[in-house]
Amino acid sequence: MAESSGFDPQLALSHKFPELHNKVSLAGLHDKGKAAIIEFETKSYEKESGELLCMNRTTVFLRGAGGFSKSSQPYSYSNYQTDKASAALLYRLSGDYNPLHSDPMVAKIAGFSRPILHGLCALGFAVRAIIKCICKGDPNLIKSITGRFLLHVYPGETLVTEMWLDDLRVVYQAKVKERNQTVLSGYVDIHRLASSP
């Protein structure tokens, strides 16, 4: 019997909201081997006007419910080596000054052997690979990006992004080549397929 492990989200509202109408749909089912992940999408509409106000995505991790699908070879993949010295320091220009990414002492206290790469920087490498391989270099084809951070990446490690095309959705996972571990997974929705050159 599958065991459910959930997440308890909370929302604090600063002002009165209009009356809402919610539509819930199944957004994804992922086989993780010994477990499964179910994704639910909730769209909230203003009841009176019908205007879409927001979309929430919730995931449920089900232990013991995996092993129901056969894995397939990735559609395409791309390797990018993160720059050893400067990748995390350069990404600080985005405004994330967390010392975990620059200070060896802070990284050691947090349980890492050295500073780690920003998660969003790793996500950028994965999306860059999708733009190169699926979108043929056109970033305007990207509609939305979803990612789940699974493990840390050290600057200097090589990210291998594998991707599977499912209609206008690119399901991907990024692995660290040196450790053979998946560090990031998710999907990217695109507006359309790239035209042949």
N, C-alpha and C. Protein backbone atom coordinates (compact mmCIF):
# COMPACT_ATOMS: atom_id res chain seq x y z
N MET A 1 0.84 -1.18 0.00
CA MET A 1 0.00 0.00 0.00
C MET A 1 0.88 1.25 0.00
N ALA A 2 0.55 2.21 -0.83
CA ALA A 2 1.35 3.43 -0.94
C ALA A 2 1.18 4.29 0.29
N GLU A 3 2.26 4.88 0.72
CA GLU A 3 2.27 5.75 1.89
C GLU A 3 2.40 7.19 1.41
N SER A 4 1.60 8.10 1.91
CA SER A 4 1.63 9.49 1.46
C SER A 4 2.47 10.34 2.39
N SER A 5 3.32 11.16 1.79
CA SER A 5 4.10 12.13 2.55
C SER A 5 3.84 13.49 1.93
N GLY A 6 3.30 14.43 2.70
CA GLY A 6 2.86 15.68 2.09
C GLY A 6 3.60 16.89 2.59
N PHE A 7 3.18 18.04 2.10
CA PHE A 7 3.75 19.34 2.41
C PHE A 7 2.60 20.21 2.86
N ASP A 8 2.78 20.98 3.91
CA ASP A 8 1.70 21.76 4.48
C ASP A 8 1.89 23.24 4.15
N PRO A 9 1.43 23.69 2.96
CA PRO A 9 1.62 25.09 2.59
C PRO A 9 0.68 26.01 3.36
N GLN A 10 1.10 27.25 3.55
CA GLN A 10 0.28 28.25 4.21
C GLN A 10 0.28 29.52 3.37
N LEU A 11 -0.79 30.28 3.45
CA LEU A 11 -0.93 31.50 2.68
C LEU A 11 -1.48 32.58 3.59
N ALA A 12 -0.82 33.72 3.65
CA ALA A 12 -1.29 34.86 4.45
C ALA A 12 -1.72 35.96 3.48
N LEU A 13 -2.93 36.44 3.61
CA LEU A 13 -3.46 37.47 2.73
C LEU A 13 -3.43 38.81 3.44
N SER A 14 -2.98 39.85 2.74
CA SER A 14 -2.86 41.17 3.35
C SER A 14 -4.11 42.03 3.13
N HIS A 15 -5.00 41.60 2.25
CA HIS A 15 -6.24 42.34 2.05
C HIS A 15 -7.32 41.37 1.58
N LYS A 16 -8.55 41.84 1.56
CA LYS A 16 -9.68 41.00 1.20
C LYS A 16 -9.62 40.62 -0.28
N PHE A 17 -9.82 39.36 -0.56
CA PHE A 17 -9.82 38.86 -1.93
C PHE A 17 -11.26 38.70 -2.41
N PRO A 18 -11.47 38.76 -3.73
CA PRO A 18 -12.82 38.51 -4.25
C PRO A 18 -13.17 37.03 -4.09
N GLU A 19 -14.44 36.71 -4.26
CA GLU A 19 -14.86 35.31 -4.18
C GLU A 19 -14.24 34.55 -5.34
N LEU A 20 -13.65 33.39 -5.05
CA LEU A 20 -12.92 32.62 -6.04
C LEU A 20 -13.65 31.33 -6.42
N HIS A 21 -13.36 30.89 -7.62
CA HIS A 21 -13.80 29.58 -8.10
C HIS A 21 -12.54 28.83 -8.52
N ASN A 22 -12.31 27.66 -7.94
CA ASN A 22 -11.10 26.88 -8.23
C ASN A 22 -11.39 25.69 -9.12
N LYS A 23 -10.47 25.42 -10.04
CA LYS A 23 -10.52 24.22 -10.87
C LYS A 23 -9.24 23.44 -10.63
N VAL A 24 -9.37 22.20 -10.19
CA VAL A 24 -8.22 21.35 -9.88
C VAL A 24 -8.11 20.28 -10.95
N SER A 25 -6.87 20.08 -11.43
CA SER A 25 -6.65 19.03 -12.43
C SER A 25 -5.35 18.30 -12.14
N LEU A 26 -5.24 17.08 -12.64
CA LEU A 26 -4.02 16.30 -12.52
C LEU A 26 -3.03 16.84 -13.55
N ALA A 27 -1.87 17.28 -13.09
CA ALA A 27 -0.89 17.90 -13.98
C ALA A 27 0.28 17.00 -14.31
N GLY A 28 0.50 15.96 -13.52
CA GLY A 28 1.64 15.10 -13.80
C GLY A 28 1.67 13.88 -12.90
N LEU A 29 2.24 12.82 -13.42
CA LEU A 29 2.47 11.59 -12.67
C LEU A 29 3.86 11.10 -13.06
N HIS A 30 4.75 11.00 -12.08
CA HIS A 30 6.14 10.67 -12.36
C HIS A 30 6.57 9.43 -11.60
N ASP A 31 7.15 8.48 -12.31
CA ASP A 31 7.67 7.27 -11.71
C ASP A 31 9.09 7.54 -11.22
N LYS A 32 9.31 7.37 -9.93
CA LYS A 32 10.64 7.59 -9.35
C LYS A 32 11.27 6.28 -8.89
N GLY A 33 10.85 5.16 -9.48
CA GLY A 33 11.41 3.87 -9.10
C GLY A 33 10.65 3.27 -7.94
N LYS A 34 11.10 3.55 -6.72
CA LYS A 34 10.42 3.02 -5.53
C LYS A 34 9.27 3.91 -5.08
N ALA A 35 9.11 5.05 -5.70
CA ALA A 35 8.07 6.00 -5.30
C ALA A 35 7.48 6.66 -6.55
N ALA A 36 6.42 7.42 -6.34
CA ALA A 36 5.80 8.17 -7.43
C ALA A 36 5.51 9.58 -6.94
N ILE A 37 5.47 10.52 -7.87
CA ILE A 37 5.11 11.90 -7.56
C ILE A 37 3.88 12.24 -8.39
N ILE A 38 2.85 12.75 -7.72
CA ILE A 38 1.64 13.22 -8.39
C ILE A 38 1.62 14.74 -8.28
N GLU A 39 1.35 15.41 -9.39
CA GLU A 39 1.27 16.87 -9.40
C GLU A 39 -0.18 17.29 -9.66
N PHE A 40 -0.68 18.20 -8.83
CA PHE A 40 -2.01 18.77 -9.01
C PHE A 40 -1.87 20.25 -9.34
N GLU A 41 -2.69 20.72 -10.27
CA GLU A 41 -2.69 22.12 -10.66
C GLU A 41 -4.04 22.72 -10.27
N THR A 42 -4.01 23.82 -9.54
CA THR A 42 -5.24 24.51 -9.13
C THR A 42 -5.25 25.90 -9.76
N LYS A 43 -6.25 26.17 -10.58
CA LYS A 43 -6.41 27.50 -11.17
C LYS A 43 -7.54 28.20 -10.43
N SER A 44 -7.24 29.41 -9.97
CA SER A 44 -8.21 30.20 -9.21
C SER A 44 -8.73 31.35 -10.07
N TYR A 45 -10.05 31.39 -10.23
CA TYR A 45 -10.70 32.40 -11.06
C TYR A 45 -11.57 33.30 -10.18
N GLU A 46 -11.65 34.58 -10.53
CA GLU A 46 -12.62 35.45 -9.86
C GLU A 46 -14.00 34.98 -10.29
N LYS A 47 -14.84 34.70 -9.30
CA LYS A 47 -16.15 34.09 -9.60
C LYS A 47 -17.01 34.98 -10.48
N GLU A 48 -17.02 36.27 -10.21
CA GLU A 48 -17.90 37.17 -10.94
C GLU A 48 -17.46 37.39 -12.39
N SER A 49 -16.18 37.67 -12.62
CA SER A 49 -15.71 37.99 -13.97
C SER A 49 -15.17 36.78 -14.73
N GLY A 50 -14.77 35.73 -13.99
CA GLY A 50 -14.16 34.57 -14.64
C GLY A 50 -12.69 34.75 -14.96
N GLU A 51 -12.11 35.87 -14.52
CA GLU A 51 -10.69 36.15 -14.80
C GLU A 51 -9.79 35.22 -13.99
N LEU A 52 -8.78 34.63 -14.67
CA LEU A 52 -7.81 33.79 -13.99
C LEU A 52 -6.90 34.68 -13.14
N LEU A 53 -6.84 34.40 -11.83
CA LEU A 53 -6.04 35.22 -10.92
C LEU A 53 -4.70 34.57 -10.61
N CYS A 54 -4.68 33.26 -10.46
CA CYS A 54 -3.41 32.60 -10.16
C CYS A 54 -3.51 31.10 -10.43
N MET A 55 -2.33 30.48 -10.49
CA MET A 55 -2.23 29.04 -10.67
C MET A 55 -1.26 28.51 -9.62
N ASN A 56 -1.66 27.48 -8.92
CA ASN A 56 -0.81 26.83 -7.92
C ASN A 56 -0.57 25.39 -8.34
N ARG A 57 0.64 24.92 -8.06
CA ARG A 57 0.97 23.52 -8.35
C ARG A 57 1.41 22.87 -7.04
N THR A 58 0.81 21.74 -6.74
CA THR A 58 1.10 21.00 -5.52
C THR A 58 1.57 19.61 -5.89
N THR A 59 2.58 19.11 -5.18
CA THR A 59 3.06 17.76 -5.44
C THR A 59 2.88 16.90 -4.21
N VAL A 60 2.60 15.63 -4.45
CA VAL A 60 2.47 14.64 -3.39
C VAL A 60 3.44 13.51 -3.69
N PHE A 61 4.27 13.15 -2.72
CA PHE A 61 5.25 12.08 -2.85
C PHE A 61 4.65 10.81 -2.26
N LEU A 62 4.52 9.76 -3.07
CA LEU A 62 3.92 8.51 -2.63
C LEU A 62 4.97 7.41 -2.55
N ARG A 63 5.35 7.06 -1.33
CA ARG A 63 6.33 5.99 -1.15
C ARG A 63 5.70 4.66 -1.53
N GLY A 64 6.50 3.82 -2.19
CA GLY A 64 6.05 2.48 -2.53
C GLY A 64 5.12 2.41 -3.73
N ALA A 65 4.93 3.52 -4.44
CA ALA A 65 3.98 3.54 -5.56
C ALA A 65 4.66 3.61 -6.92
N GLY A 66 5.99 3.51 -6.97
CA GLY A 66 6.70 3.64 -8.24
C GLY A 66 6.88 2.32 -8.96
N GLY A 67 7.67 2.36 -10.02
CA GLY A 67 7.97 1.16 -10.79
C GLY A 67 6.93 0.80 -11.83
N PHE A 68 6.10 1.76 -12.24
CA PHE A 68 5.02 1.46 -13.18
C PHE A 68 5.33 1.83 -14.62
N SER A 69 6.47 2.46 -14.88
CA SER A 69 6.78 2.84 -16.27
C SER A 69 8.15 2.33 -16.66
N LYS A 70 8.34 2.23 -17.95
CA LYS A 70 9.64 1.84 -18.50
C LYS A 70 10.37 3.11 -18.91
N SER A 71 11.64 3.20 -18.55
CA SER A 71 12.39 4.39 -18.93
C SER A 71 12.76 4.31 -20.40
N SER A 72 12.84 5.45 -21.02
CA SER A 72 13.22 5.53 -22.43
C SER A 72 14.49 6.34 -22.55
N GLN A 73 15.17 6.22 -23.67
CA GLN A 73 16.39 6.99 -23.90
C GLN A 73 16.02 8.45 -24.11
N PRO A 74 16.85 9.37 -23.65
CA PRO A 74 16.53 10.79 -23.82
C PRO A 74 16.54 11.18 -25.29
N TYR A 75 15.69 12.16 -25.60
CA TYR A 75 15.61 12.69 -26.95
C TYR A 75 16.94 13.32 -27.35
N SER A 76 17.52 14.04 -26.43
CA SER A 76 18.75 14.74 -26.72
C SER A 76 19.42 15.06 -25.39
N TYR A 77 20.67 15.42 -25.45
CA TYR A 77 21.33 15.85 -24.22
C TYR A 77 22.45 16.82 -24.56
N SER A 78 22.88 17.53 -23.56
CA SER A 78 23.94 18.49 -23.77
C SER A 78 24.80 18.56 -22.52
N ASN A 79 26.09 18.71 -22.71
CA ASN A 79 27.04 18.83 -21.59
C ASN A 79 27.50 20.27 -21.46
N TYR A 80 27.50 20.79 -20.24
CA TYR A 80 28.07 22.10 -19.97
C TYR A 80 28.92 21.98 -18.72
N GLN A 81 30.15 22.44 -18.79
CA GLN A 81 30.99 22.47 -17.60
C GLN A 81 30.87 23.83 -16.95
N THR A 82 30.53 23.83 -15.66
CA THR A 82 30.47 25.09 -14.94
C THR A 82 31.89 25.55 -14.66
N ASP A 83 32.14 26.83 -14.74
CA ASP A 83 33.48 27.37 -14.54
C ASP A 83 33.88 27.19 -13.08
N LYS A 84 35.07 26.62 -12.85
CA LYS A 84 35.50 26.26 -11.50
C LYS A 84 35.51 27.45 -10.55
N ALA A 85 36.17 28.51 -10.92
CA ALA A 85 36.40 29.59 -9.97
C ALA A 85 35.28 30.61 -9.92
N SER A 86 34.71 30.94 -11.06
CA SER A 86 33.89 32.14 -11.08
C SER A 86 32.38 31.93 -11.24
N ALA A 87 31.90 30.71 -11.52
CA ALA A 87 30.47 30.55 -11.79
C ALA A 87 29.60 31.05 -10.63
N ALA A 88 29.89 30.59 -9.41
CA ALA A 88 29.08 31.02 -8.26
C ALA A 88 29.31 32.49 -7.94
N LEU A 89 30.53 32.97 -8.09
CA LEU A 89 30.81 34.37 -7.80
C LEU A 89 30.14 35.28 -8.82
N LEU A 90 30.17 34.89 -10.09
CA LEU A 90 29.53 35.68 -11.13
C LEU A 90 28.01 35.72 -10.93
N TYR A 91 27.43 34.59 -10.51
CA TYR A 91 25.98 34.55 -10.32
C TYR A 91 25.53 35.45 -9.17
N ARG A 92 26.46 35.82 -8.27
CA ARG A 92 26.12 36.75 -7.18
C ARG A 92 25.64 38.09 -7.74
N LEU A 93 26.00 38.41 -8.99
CA LEU A 93 25.56 39.65 -9.60
C LEU A 93 24.04 39.71 -9.76
N SER A 94 23.37 38.54 -9.66
CA SER A 94 21.91 38.50 -9.75
C SER A 94 21.26 39.04 -8.47
N GLY A 95 22.08 39.24 -7.42
CA GLY A 95 21.55 39.76 -6.17
C GLY A 95 21.48 38.74 -5.05
N ASP A 96 21.87 37.50 -5.32
CA ASP A 96 21.87 36.46 -4.28
C ASP A 96 23.26 36.42 -3.64
N TYR A 97 23.38 37.02 -2.47
CA TYR A 97 24.67 37.11 -1.80
C TYR A 97 24.85 36.08 -0.69
N ASN A 98 24.10 35.01 -0.73
CA ASN A 98 24.21 33.96 0.28
C ASN A 98 25.67 33.47 0.33
N PRO A 99 26.32 33.55 1.50
CA PRO A 99 27.73 33.15 1.59
C PRO A 99 27.97 31.65 1.37
N LEU A 100 26.91 30.87 1.33
CA LEU A 100 27.04 29.44 1.04
C LEU A 100 27.68 29.22 -0.33
N HIS A 101 27.54 30.22 -1.22
CA HIS A 101 28.04 30.09 -2.58
C HIS A 101 29.42 30.72 -2.78
N SER A 102 29.98 31.32 -1.71
CA SER A 102 31.27 32.00 -1.88
C SER A 102 32.25 31.78 -0.73
N ASP A 103 31.77 31.49 0.43
CA ASP A 103 32.62 31.39 1.61
C ASP A 103 32.85 29.92 1.99
N PRO A 104 34.09 29.42 1.86
CA PRO A 104 34.37 28.01 2.18
C PRO A 104 34.00 27.63 3.61
N MET A 105 34.17 28.55 4.57
CA MET A 105 33.85 28.25 5.97
C MET A 105 32.34 28.04 6.15
N VAL A 106 31.54 28.92 5.55
CA VAL A 106 30.08 28.79 5.64
C VAL A 106 29.63 27.50 4.97
N ALA A 107 30.22 27.19 3.82
CA ALA A 107 29.87 25.95 3.12
C ALA A 107 30.19 24.73 3.99
N LYS A 108 31.34 24.76 4.65
CA LYS A 108 31.74 23.64 5.52
C LYS A 108 30.78 23.48 6.69
N ILE A 109 30.38 24.58 7.30
CA ILE A 109 29.42 24.55 8.41
C ILE A 109 28.09 23.95 7.94
N ALA A 110 27.71 24.24 6.68
CA ALA A 110 26.46 23.73 6.12
C ALA A 110 26.57 22.27 5.66
N GLY A 111 27.78 21.68 5.76
CA GLY A 111 27.94 20.27 5.41
C GLY A 111 28.47 20.00 4.02
N PHE A 112 28.98 21.02 3.35
CA PHE A 112 29.54 20.85 2.01
C PHE A 112 31.06 20.98 2.07
N SER A 113 31.73 20.31 1.15
CA SER A 113 33.20 20.36 1.15
C SER A 113 33.74 21.70 0.65
N ARG A 114 32.92 22.43 -0.08
CA ARG A 114 33.31 23.74 -0.59
C ARG A 114 32.04 24.49 -1.01
N PRO A 115 32.12 25.78 -1.38
CA PRO A 115 30.92 26.51 -1.79
C PRO A 115 30.21 25.82 -2.97
N ILE A 116 28.89 25.92 -2.96
CA ILE A 116 28.09 25.27 -4.00
C ILE A 116 27.54 26.31 -4.98
N LEU A 117 27.17 25.81 -6.16
CA LEU A 117 26.59 26.67 -7.19
C LEU A 117 25.16 27.03 -6.81
N HIS A 118 24.72 28.22 -7.16
CA HIS A 118 23.33 28.62 -6.95
C HIS A 118 22.41 27.66 -7.71
N GLY A 119 21.29 27.28 -7.11
CA GLY A 119 20.34 26.41 -7.78
C GLY A 119 19.82 27.00 -9.08
N LEU A 120 19.52 28.31 -9.06
CA LEU A 120 19.01 28.94 -10.28
C LEU A 120 20.06 29.01 -11.37
N CYS A 121 21.33 29.02 -11.00
CA CYS A 121 22.40 28.99 -11.99
C CYS A 121 22.41 27.62 -12.67
N ALA A 122 22.27 26.55 -11.88
CA ALA A 122 22.19 25.19 -12.46
C ALA A 122 20.97 25.07 -13.36
N LEU A 123 19.84 25.64 -12.94
CA LEU A 123 18.64 25.63 -13.76
C LEU A 123 18.90 26.36 -15.08
N GLY A 124 19.64 27.46 -15.02
CA GLY A 124 19.98 28.20 -16.23
C GLY A 124 20.76 27.36 -17.22
N PHE A 125 21.70 26.53 -16.72
CA PHE A 125 22.45 25.64 -17.61
C PHE A 125 21.51 24.63 -18.29
N ALA A 126 20.55 24.08 -17.52
CA ALA A 126 19.62 23.10 -18.07
C ALA A 126 18.73 23.72 -19.15
N VAL A 127 18.20 24.92 -18.86
CA VAL A 127 17.33 25.60 -19.83
C VAL A 127 18.13 26.01 -21.06
N ARG A 128 19.37 26.40 -20.86
CA ARG A 128 20.24 26.74 -21.99
C ARG A 128 20.40 25.53 -22.92
N ALA A 129 20.53 24.34 -22.34
CA ALA A 129 20.65 23.12 -23.15
C ALA A 129 19.37 22.86 -23.94
N ILE A 130 18.21 23.11 -23.31
CA ILE A 130 16.93 22.91 -24.00
C ILE A 130 16.78 23.92 -25.13
N ILE A 131 17.17 25.17 -24.90
CA ILE A 131 17.11 26.18 -25.96
C ILE A 131 18.01 25.77 -27.13
N LYS A 132 19.18 25.23 -26.81
CA LYS A 132 20.12 24.81 -27.86
C LYS A 132 19.59 23.60 -28.64
N CYS A 133 19.12 22.59 -27.92
CA CYS A 133 18.78 21.32 -28.57
C CYS A 133 17.36 21.26 -29.14
N ILE A 134 16.40 21.78 -28.43
CA ILE A 134 14.99 21.68 -28.85
C ILE A 134 14.54 22.94 -29.59
N CYS A 135 14.93 24.10 -29.07
CA CYS A 135 14.48 25.37 -29.64
C CYS A 135 15.41 25.90 -30.72
N LYS A 136 16.45 25.15 -31.02
CA LYS A 136 17.42 25.54 -32.05
C LYS A 136 17.95 26.95 -31.84
N GLY A 137 18.21 27.28 -30.57
CA GLY A 137 18.82 28.56 -30.25
C GLY A 137 17.87 29.72 -30.05
N ASP A 138 16.55 29.51 -30.17
CA ASP A 138 15.59 30.60 -30.06
C ASP A 138 14.95 30.62 -28.66
N PRO A 139 15.40 31.51 -27.76
CA PRO A 139 14.84 31.55 -26.40
C PRO A 139 13.39 32.02 -26.36
N ASN A 140 12.91 32.67 -27.42
CA ASN A 140 11.53 33.15 -27.45
C ASN A 140 10.51 32.02 -27.54
N LEU A 141 10.97 30.80 -27.81
CA LEU A 141 10.05 29.66 -27.88
C LEU A 141 9.67 29.15 -26.49
N ILE A 142 10.40 29.59 -25.45
CA ILE A 142 10.13 29.15 -24.08
C ILE A 142 8.87 29.83 -23.57
N LYS A 143 7.93 29.03 -23.08
CA LYS A 143 6.67 29.55 -22.53
C LYS A 143 6.72 29.59 -21.00
N SER A 144 7.14 28.49 -20.38
CA SER A 144 7.24 28.43 -18.92
C SER A 144 8.29 27.41 -18.52
N ILE A 145 8.83 27.59 -17.32
CA ILE A 145 9.91 26.72 -16.82
C ILE A 145 9.53 26.24 -15.43
N THR A 146 9.66 24.94 -15.21
CA THR A 146 9.44 24.35 -13.89
C THR A 146 10.65 23.50 -13.55
N GLY A 147 11.13 23.61 -12.32
CA GLY A 147 12.28 22.81 -11.92
C GLY A 147 12.22 22.41 -10.47
N ARG A 148 12.78 21.27 -10.16
CA ARG A 148 12.89 20.79 -8.78
C ARG A 148 14.36 20.54 -8.50
N PHE A 149 14.88 21.21 -7.47
CA PHE A 149 16.27 21.05 -7.10
C PHE A 149 16.40 19.81 -6.21
N LEU A 150 17.24 18.87 -6.63
CA LEU A 150 17.36 17.59 -5.92
C LEU A 150 18.64 17.46 -5.12
N LEU A 151 19.75 17.93 -5.67
CA LEU A 151 21.05 17.87 -5.01
C LEU A 151 21.86 19.11 -5.38
N HIS A 152 22.92 19.35 -4.65
CA HIS A 152 23.81 20.48 -4.90
C HIS A 152 24.72 20.21 -6.11
N VAL A 153 25.26 21.30 -6.65
CA VAL A 153 26.25 21.26 -7.73
C VAL A 153 27.44 22.08 -7.27
N TYR A 154 28.64 21.54 -7.46
CA TYR A 154 29.85 22.29 -7.15
C TYR A 154 30.33 23.00 -8.42
N PRO A 155 30.77 24.26 -8.31
CA PRO A 155 31.37 24.92 -9.47
C PRO A 155 32.50 24.06 -10.04
N GLY A 156 32.53 23.92 -11.36
CA GLY A 156 33.53 23.10 -12.02
C GLY A 156 33.01 21.74 -12.45
N GLU A 157 31.87 21.30 -11.89
CA GLU A 157 31.30 20.01 -12.30
C GLU A 157 30.60 20.17 -13.65
N THR A 158 30.48 19.06 -14.36
CA THR A 158 29.85 19.05 -15.68
C THR A 158 28.40 18.66 -15.55
N LEU A 159 27.50 19.49 -16.07
CA LEU A 159 26.07 19.19 -16.05
C LEU A 159 25.67 18.57 -17.38
N VAL A 160 25.05 17.41 -17.31
CA VAL A 160 24.52 16.72 -18.48
C VAL A 160 23.01 16.82 -18.41
N THR A 161 22.41 17.49 -19.38
CA THR A 161 20.96 17.66 -19.40
C THR A 161 20.36 16.69 -20.41
N GLU A 162 19.51 15.80 -19.90
CA GLU A 162 18.78 14.87 -20.77
C GLU A 162 17.36 15.39 -20.89
N MET A 163 16.76 15.23 -22.06
CA MET A 163 15.42 15.77 -22.27
C MET A 163 14.59 14.89 -23.16
N TRP A 164 13.30 14.86 -22.90
CA TRP A 164 12.34 14.08 -23.65
C TRP A 164 11.26 15.03 -24.12
N LEU A 165 10.94 14.98 -25.41
CA LEU A 165 9.92 15.86 -25.98
C LEU A 165 8.57 15.16 -25.95
N ASP A 166 7.59 15.79 -25.32
CA ASP A 166 6.23 15.27 -25.23
C ASP A 166 5.28 16.36 -25.70
N ASP A 167 4.97 16.35 -26.99
CA ASP A 167 4.17 17.39 -27.62
C ASP A 167 4.90 18.73 -27.46
N LEU A 168 4.34 19.70 -26.75
CA LEU A 168 5.01 20.99 -26.56
C LEU A 168 5.59 21.12 -25.15
N ARG A 169 5.87 20.00 -24.53
CA ARG A 169 6.50 19.98 -23.20
C ARG A 169 7.81 19.21 -23.29
N VAL A 170 8.87 19.81 -22.76
CA VAL A 170 10.18 19.16 -22.71
C VAL A 170 10.41 18.74 -21.26
N VAL A 171 10.38 17.44 -21.00
CA VAL A 171 10.68 16.91 -19.67
C VAL A 171 12.19 16.72 -19.61
N TYR A 172 12.82 17.18 -18.54
CA TYR A 172 14.29 17.12 -18.49
C TYR A 172 14.78 16.68 -17.12
N GLN A 173 16.02 16.23 -17.11
CA GLN A 173 16.74 16.04 -15.86
C GLN A 173 18.19 16.40 -16.12
N ALA A 174 18.82 16.99 -15.12
CA ALA A 174 20.24 17.35 -15.22
C ALA A 174 21.02 16.52 -14.22
N LYS A 175 22.11 15.94 -14.71
CA LYS A 175 22.96 15.11 -13.87
C LYS A 175 24.35 15.74 -13.79
N VAL A 176 25.01 15.51 -12.66
CA VAL A 176 26.42 15.85 -12.55
C VAL A 176 27.20 14.65 -13.07
N LYS A 177 27.95 14.87 -14.14
CA LYS A 177 28.68 13.79 -14.80
C LYS A 177 29.69 13.13 -13.87
N GLU A 178 30.42 13.93 -13.10
CA GLU A 178 31.49 13.40 -12.26
C GLU A 178 30.96 12.50 -11.14
N ARG A 179 29.76 12.76 -10.65
CA ARG A 179 29.19 11.96 -9.56
C ARG A 179 28.07 11.04 -10.03
N ASN A 180 27.66 11.17 -11.30
CA ASN A 180 26.55 10.40 -11.87
C ASN A 180 25.30 10.48 -10.99
N GLN A 181 24.96 11.71 -10.59
CA GLN A 181 23.78 11.93 -9.75
C GLN A 181 22.88 12.97 -10.39
N THR A 182 21.57 12.73 -10.32
CA THR A 182 20.60 13.70 -10.82
C THR A 182 20.46 14.82 -9.81
N VAL A 183 20.64 16.06 -10.27
CA VAL A 183 20.62 17.21 -9.37
C VAL A 183 19.41 18.12 -9.59
N LEU A 184 18.74 17.94 -10.73
CA LEU A 184 17.65 18.85 -11.10
C LEU A 184 16.72 18.11 -12.05
N SER A 185 15.41 18.32 -11.91
CA SER A 185 14.46 17.75 -12.85
C SER A 185 13.27 18.68 -12.99
N GLY A 186 12.53 18.54 -14.07
CA GLY A 186 11.36 19.38 -14.28
C GLY A 186 10.91 19.33 -15.72
N TYR A 187 10.25 20.39 -16.15
CA TYR A 187 9.80 20.46 -17.54
C TYR A 187 9.76 21.91 -17.99
N VAL A 188 9.84 22.07 -19.29
CA VAL A 188 9.75 23.38 -19.93
C VAL A 188 8.67 23.30 -20.99
N ASP A 189 7.68 24.17 -20.93
CA ASP A 189 6.66 24.25 -21.97
C ASP A 189 7.13 25.25 -23.02
N ILE A 190 6.91 24.89 -24.29
CA ILE A 190 7.32 25.77 -25.39
C ILE A 190 6.09 26.18 -26.19
N HIS A 191 6.19 27.32 -26.87
CA HIS A 191 5.07 27.83 -27.67
C HIS A 191 4.82 26.97 -28.91
N ARG A 192 5.92 26.54 -29.53
CA ARG A 192 5.83 25.73 -30.75
C ARG A 192 7.18 25.08 -30.98
N LEU A 193 7.23 24.12 -31.89
CA LEU A 193 8.50 23.51 -32.23
C LEU A 193 9.28 24.44 -33.14
N ALA A 194 10.57 24.42 -33.01
CA ALA A 194 11.43 25.27 -33.86
C ALA A 194 11.35 24.80 -35.30
N SER A 195 11.38 25.75 -36.22
CA SER A 195 11.38 25.42 -37.64
C SER A 195 12.73 24.88 -38.04
N SER A 196 12.74 24.00 -39.03
CA SER A 196 14.01 23.49 -39.54
C SER A 196 14.75 24.60 -40.25
N PRO A 197 16.10 24.65 -40.12
CA PRO A 197 16.86 25.71 -40.77
C PRO A 197 16.80 25.61 -42.28
